[in-house]
Amino acid sequence: MPYKNLVFAKSSGNYVELMTSGQKRYILKTSIQHIENSLNYDRIIRIHRSYLINIDHLIEFSTQEVTLSNGCILPIGKHYQDNFISLVLNCTVLM
């Protein structure tokens, strides 16, 4: 699966669910931390202890949540808010 097709990754215990732009879902037995560290793609960022998103699929956001191209609305964790907002407002990840 090309990284550009990944919309988001969701952690659930010892598993990570990957959701693609084609609405395909993959489940891996791994941690979200491992996924985050092993991806060599700067368009995927952490927004919550349980979620990674592909910034290319970001439709809109507030300080508390993001809406993605597949219609999913995901929370932004307090620990990740400042970094996420800074990245988006500075357009460092949107270019």
C-alpha atoms as a PDB file:
ATOM      1  CA  MET A   1       0.000   0.000   0.000  1.00  0.00           C
ATOM      2  CA  PRO A   2       1.520   3.346  -0.988  1.00  0.00           C
ATOM      3  CA  TYR A   3       1.742   5.787   1.923  1.00  0.00           C
ATOM      4  CA  LYS A   4      -0.243   8.419   0.010  1.00  0.00           C
ATOM      5  CA  ASN A   5      -3.280   6.089   0.150  1.00  0.00           C
ATOM      6  CA  LEU A   6      -3.165   5.875   3.948  1.00  0.00           C
ATOM      7  CA  VAL A   7      -5.810   8.182   5.469  1.00  0.00           C
ATOM      8  CA  PHE A   8      -5.234   7.327   9.129  1.00  0.00           C
ATOM      9  CA  ALA A   9      -3.921   4.709  11.525  1.00  0.00           C
ATOM     10  CA  LYS A  10      -5.743   3.865  14.748  1.00  0.00           C
ATOM     11  CA  SER A  11      -4.243   2.019  17.684  1.00  0.00           C
ATOM     12  CA  SER A  12      -6.315  -0.509  19.576  1.00  0.00           C
ATOM     13  CA  GLY A  13      -4.380  -2.454  22.167  1.00  0.00           C
ATOM     14  CA  ASN A  14      -1.718  -4.548  20.456  1.00  0.00           C
ATOM     15  CA  TYR A  15      -3.174  -3.867  17.010  1.00  0.00           C
ATOM     16  CA  VAL A  16      -3.167  -0.983  14.561  1.00  0.00           C
ATOM     17  CA  GLU A  17      -5.933  -0.438  12.023  1.00  0.00           C
ATOM     18  CA  LEU A  18      -4.867   1.239   8.783  1.00  0.00           C
ATOM     19  CA  MET A  19      -7.624   2.910   6.747  1.00  0.00           C
ATOM     20  CA  THR A  20      -6.950   3.751   3.097  1.00  0.00           C
ATOM     21  CA  SER A  21      -8.498   6.252   0.722  1.00  0.00           C
ATOM     22  CA  GLY A  22     -10.196   3.347  -1.072  1.00  0.00           C
ATOM     23  CA  GLN A  23     -11.951   2.439   2.217  1.00  0.00           C
ATOM     24  CA  LYS A  24      -9.784  -0.665   2.585  1.00  0.00           C
ATOM     25  CA  ARG A  25      -8.921  -1.587   6.142  1.00  0.00           C
ATOM     26  CA  TYR A  26      -5.814  -3.432   7.241  1.00  0.00           C
ATOM     27  CA  ILE A  27      -5.155  -4.685  10.761  1.00  0.00           C
ATOM     28  CA  LEU A  28      -1.594  -5.256  11.921  1.00  0.00           C
ATOM     29  CA  LYS A  29      -0.339  -6.750  15.147  1.00  0.00           C
ATOM     30  CA  THR A  30       2.015  -3.933  16.128  1.00  0.00           C
ATOM     31  CA  SER A  31       2.036  -0.661  18.036  1.00  0.00           C
ATOM     32  CA  ILE A  32       1.209   2.800  16.738  1.00  0.00           C
ATOM     33  CA  GLN A  33       4.641   3.898  17.975  1.00  0.00           C
ATOM     34  CA  HIS A  34       6.273   1.270  15.765  1.00  0.00           C
ATOM     35  CA  ILE A  35       4.238   2.413  12.751  1.00  0.00           C
ATOM     36  CA  GLU A  36       5.125   6.047  13.433  1.00  0.00           C
ATOM     37  CA  ASN A  37       8.838   5.269  13.785  1.00  0.00           C
ATOM     38  CA  SER A  38       9.050   2.961  10.782  1.00  0.00           C
ATOM     39  CA  LEU A  39       7.256   5.147   8.246  1.00  0.00           C
ATOM     40  CA  ASN A  40       9.585   7.173   6.109  1.00  0.00           C
ATOM     41  CA  TYR A  41       6.902   9.613   4.951  1.00  0.00           C
ATOM     42  CA  ASP A  42       6.721  13.106   6.453  1.00  0.00           C
ATOM     43  CA  ARG A  43       3.056  13.613   5.510  1.00  0.00           C
ATOM     44  CA  ILE A  44       1.892  11.273   8.294  1.00  0.00           C
ATOM     45  CA  ILE A  45       1.738  12.924  11.706  1.00  0.00           C
ATOM     46  CA  ARG A  46       0.610  11.979  15.191  1.00  0.00           C
ATOM     47  CA  ILE A  47      -2.496  13.818  16.457  1.00  0.00           C
ATOM     48  CA  HIS A  48      -3.446  11.624  19.414  1.00  0.00           C
ATOM     49  CA  ARG A  49      -1.970   8.755  21.408  1.00  0.00           C
ATOM     50  CA  SER A  50      -4.171   6.464  19.302  1.00  0.00           C
ATOM     51  CA  TYR A  51      -4.089   8.177  15.900  1.00  0.00           C
ATOM     52  CA  LEU A  52      -1.765   9.041  13.040  1.00  0.00           C
ATOM     53  CA  ILE A  53      -3.169  10.907  10.039  1.00  0.00           C
ATOM     54  CA  ASN A  54      -1.977  11.589   6.531  1.00  0.00           C
ATOM     55  CA  ILE A  55      -2.005  15.376   6.264  1.00  0.00           C
ATOM     56  CA  ASP A  56      -2.843  15.083   2.535  1.00  0.00           C
ATOM     57  CA  HIS A  57      -6.298  13.822   3.561  1.00  0.00           C
ATOM     58  CA  LEU A  58      -6.996  16.662   6.003  1.00  0.00           C
ATOM     59  CA  ILE A  59     -10.183  18.525   5.044  1.00  0.00           C
ATOM     60  CA  GLU A  60     -10.697  20.750   8.089  1.00  0.00           C
ATOM     61  CA  PHE A  61      -9.641  21.022  11.697  1.00  0.00           C
ATOM     62  CA  SER A  62     -10.262  22.781  14.975  1.00  0.00           C
ATOM     63  CA  THR A  63      -8.183  22.750  18.126  1.00  0.00           C
ATOM     64  CA  GLN A  64      -9.952  19.558  19.202  1.00  0.00           C
ATOM     65  CA  GLU A  65     -10.563  17.468  16.082  1.00  0.00           C
ATOM     66  CA  VAL A  66      -9.781  16.877  12.420  1.00  0.00           C
ATOM     67  CA  THR A  67     -12.036  15.893   9.535  1.00  0.00           C
ATOM     68  CA  LEU A  68     -10.471  13.656   6.922  1.00  0.00           C
ATOM     69  CA  SER A  69     -11.274  13.040   3.254  1.00  0.00           C
ATOM     70  CA  ASN A  70     -13.156   9.819   4.054  1.00  0.00           C
ATOM     71  CA  GLY A  71     -15.511  11.699   6.401  1.00  0.00           C
ATOM     72  CA  CYS A  72     -13.944  10.442   9.631  1.00  0.00           C
ATOM     73  CA  ILE A  73     -13.712  12.934  12.465  1.00  0.00           C
ATOM     74  CA  LEU A  74     -10.841  12.186  14.831  1.00  0.00           C
ATOM     75  CA  PRO A  75      -9.839  13.831  18.116  1.00  0.00           C
ATOM     76  CA  ILE A  76      -6.628  15.788  18.614  1.00  0.00           C
ATOM     77  CA  GLY A  77      -5.028  14.877  21.926  1.00  0.00           C
ATOM     78  CA  LYS A  78      -4.083  17.729  24.263  1.00  0.00           C
ATOM     79  CA  HIS A  79      -0.458  16.579  24.228  1.00  0.00           C
ATOM     80  CA  TYR A  80      -0.387  16.842  20.398  1.00  0.00           C
ATOM     81  CA  GLN A  81      -2.462  20.041  19.899  1.00  0.00           C
ATOM     82  CA  ASP A  82       0.337  22.598  19.938  1.00  0.00           C
ATOM     83  CA  ASN A  83       2.543  20.668  17.536  1.00  0.00           C
ATOM     84  CA  PHE A  84      -0.330  19.927  15.154  1.00  0.00           C
ATOM     85  CA  ILE A  85      -1.646  23.500  15.102  1.00  0.00           C
ATOM     86  CA  SER A  86       1.866  24.877  14.675  1.00  0.00           C
ATOM     87  CA  LEU A  87       2.557  22.578  11.720  1.00  0.00           C
ATOM     88  CA  VAL A  88      -0.715  23.419  10.011  1.00  0.00           C
ATOM     89  CA  LEU A  89      -0.602  27.178  10.635  1.00  0.00           C
ATOM     90  CA  ASN A  90       3.009  27.417   9.498  1.00  0.00           C
ATOM     91  CA  CYS A  91       2.096  25.405   6.406  1.00  0.00           C
ATOM     92  CA  THR A  92       5.181  23.247   6.908  1.00  0.00           C
ATOM     93  CA  VAL A  93       3.239  20.081   6.148  1.00  0.00           C
ATOM     94  CA  LEU A  94       0.728  21.441   3.661  1.00  0.00           C
ATOM     95  CA  MET A  95       3.174  22.312   0.915  1.00  0.00           C
END
